[in-house]
Amino acid sequence: MLLGIHHAAIICSDYKKSKHFYVTILGLKPLAEHYRAQRSSFKLDLQLPDLSQIELFSFTKPPQRPSYPEACGLRHLAFRVQSIDATVAHLQSHNIEVEAIRIDEYTGKQFTFFSDPDGLPLELYQV
């Protein structure tokens, strides 16, 4: 029935800053960008190498996402990476704070967390 995840939607507070983060720093490919005047909002469709997508939305003064304590609902977005060390080094070269690399106790794989400009928790998971 379900074939996979097509996209995740993210609402940002500073469109220019978040667009730079997702396109320039994380390297996602822009597919389409639309300004929706009736909502004073941008919608940017971004694609990852596996063809999954992120929809980046901007809205005027969105409420902050409750993270601590963690709220019910989507917890974080995780990205598969070939080299966690290289990816962490890339993020840190852009002054992005990254948590210490940990080992998944069930799979033995390395993973770590960092945040987007609005504090959305993002995970790197080495394949």
Protein backbone atom coordinates (compact mmCIF):
# COMPACT_ATOMS: atom_id res chain seq x y z
CA MET A 1 0.00 0.00 0.00
CA LEU A 2 2.51 2.68 1.11
CA LEU A 3 5.59 2.89 -1.10
CA GLY A 4 7.75 5.30 0.87
CA ILE A 5 7.88 8.86 2.10
CA HIS A 6 7.39 11.42 -0.66
CA HIS A 7 8.15 14.54 1.35
CA ALA A 8 8.35 16.17 4.74
CA ALA A 9 7.05 19.72 5.20
CA ILE A 10 8.96 22.24 7.29
CA ILE A 11 7.77 25.71 8.33
CA CYS A 12 10.54 28.24 8.88
CA SER A 13 10.62 31.67 10.49
CA ASP A 14 13.34 33.20 8.28
CA TYR A 15 12.98 32.01 4.69
CA LYS A 16 16.28 33.40 3.40
CA LYS A 17 18.26 31.87 6.27
CA SER A 18 16.53 28.47 6.02
CA LYS A 19 16.82 28.38 2.22
CA HIS A 20 20.58 28.97 2.57
CA PHE A 21 20.81 26.22 5.21
CA TYR A 22 18.94 23.55 3.24
CA VAL A 23 20.28 24.44 -0.24
CA THR A 24 23.81 25.72 0.30
CA ILE A 25 24.90 23.92 3.48
CA LEU A 26 22.95 20.64 3.25
CA GLY A 27 23.06 20.56 -0.55
CA LEU A 28 19.41 19.83 -1.32
CA LYS A 29 18.37 20.48 -4.91
CA PRO A 30 15.69 23.16 -5.48
CA LEU A 31 12.91 21.83 -7.72
CA ALA A 32 10.41 24.69 -7.59
CA GLU A 33 10.01 27.95 -5.70
CA HIS A 34 6.71 29.80 -5.43
CA TYR A 35 5.68 32.98 -3.66
CA ARG A 36 2.07 32.75 -2.49
CA ALA A 37 0.97 36.39 -2.19
CA GLN A 38 -2.37 35.55 -0.53
CA ARG A 39 -0.42 33.97 2.36
CA SER A 40 2.69 36.18 2.22
CA SER A 41 4.52 32.86 2.07
CA PHE A 42 7.19 31.10 0.07
CA LYS A 43 7.06 27.39 -0.78
CA LEU A 44 10.32 25.80 -1.86
CA ASP A 45 10.39 22.18 -3.05
CA LEU A 46 13.77 20.54 -2.35
CA GLN A 47 14.99 17.13 -3.45
CA LEU A 48 17.44 14.71 -1.89
CA PRO A 49 19.55 12.29 -3.98
CA ASP A 50 17.10 9.41 -3.32
CA LEU A 51 14.32 11.60 -4.86
CA SER A 52 12.56 12.18 -1.53
CA GLN A 53 11.63 15.81 -0.96
CA ILE A 54 11.33 18.52 1.64
CA GLU A 55 8.77 21.29 1.27
CA LEU A 56 10.08 24.45 2.93
CA PHE A 57 7.35 26.93 3.85
CA SER A 58 7.64 30.43 5.27
CA PHE A 59 4.83 32.01 7.24
CA THR A 60 4.61 35.31 9.06
CA LYS A 61 5.37 34.80 12.77
CA PRO A 62 4.80 31.03 13.12
CA PRO A 63 4.72 29.80 16.72
CA GLN A 64 7.90 28.12 17.97
CA ARG A 65 8.06 24.34 17.81
CA PRO A 66 7.86 22.73 21.26
CA SER A 67 11.02 20.65 21.63
CA TYR A 68 11.97 20.56 25.29
CA PRO A 69 10.28 18.75 26.81
CA GLU A 70 9.54 16.82 23.64
CA ALA A 71 5.97 17.19 22.47
CA CYS A 72 3.77 14.48 21.01
CA GLY A 73 4.08 14.20 17.24
CA LEU A 74 6.95 14.08 14.77
CA ARG A 75 10.16 13.89 16.77
CA HIS A 76 12.89 14.58 14.20
CA LEU A 77 13.92 14.15 10.58
CA ALA A 78 16.82 11.74 9.92
CA PHE A 79 19.13 11.77 6.88
CA ARG A 80 21.15 8.77 5.65
CA VAL A 81 24.85 9.58 5.10
CA GLN A 82 27.81 7.56 3.82
CA SER A 83 30.36 9.16 6.16
CA ILE A 84 29.13 10.63 9.41
CA ASP A 85 32.60 12.05 10.16
CA ALA A 86 32.81 13.92 6.84
CA THR A 87 29.25 15.22 7.18
CA VAL A 88 29.84 16.41 10.75
CA ALA A 89 33.06 18.14 9.66
CA HIS A 90 31.15 19.87 6.82
CA LEU A 91 28.44 21.10 9.19
CA GLN A 92 30.98 22.30 11.74
CA SER A 93 32.85 24.20 9.01
CA HIS A 94 29.62 26.20 8.66
CA ASN A 95 29.49 26.83 12.45
CA ILE A 96 26.64 24.39 12.98
CA GLU A 97 26.70 22.72 16.38
CA VAL A 98 26.56 18.93 16.21
CA GLU A 99 26.10 16.60 19.17
CA ALA A 100 28.69 13.93 19.93
CA ILE A 101 28.50 10.92 17.62
CA ARG A 102 26.79 7.97 19.26
CA ILE A 103 26.32 4.30 18.41
CA ASP A 104 22.80 2.89 17.93
CA GLU A 105 22.63 0.11 20.52
CA TYR A 106 20.40 -2.01 18.28
CA THR A 107 22.11 -1.64 14.89
CA GLY A 108 25.68 -0.68 15.80
CA LYS A 109 25.45 2.27 13.37
CA GLN A 110 26.75 5.76 14.11
CA PHE A 111 24.34 8.69 14.47
CA THR A 112 24.20 12.24 15.75
CA PHE A 113 21.88 15.23 15.92
CA PHE A 114 22.02 18.87 14.89
CA SER A 115 19.36 21.54 14.36
CA ASP A 116 18.11 23.69 11.51
CA PRO A 117 17.93 27.50 11.94
CA ASP A 118 14.60 27.20 13.79
CA GLY A 119 15.75 24.47 16.17
CA LEU A 120 14.12 21.57 14.29
CA PRO A 121 16.05 18.47 15.37
CA LEU A 122 17.78 16.75 12.44
CA GLU A 123 19.64 13.46 12.62
CA LEU A 124 22.51 12.03 10.60
CA TYR A 125 22.50 8.23 10.39
CA GLN A 126 25.42 6.42 8.79
CA VAL A 127 24.41 3.65 6.38
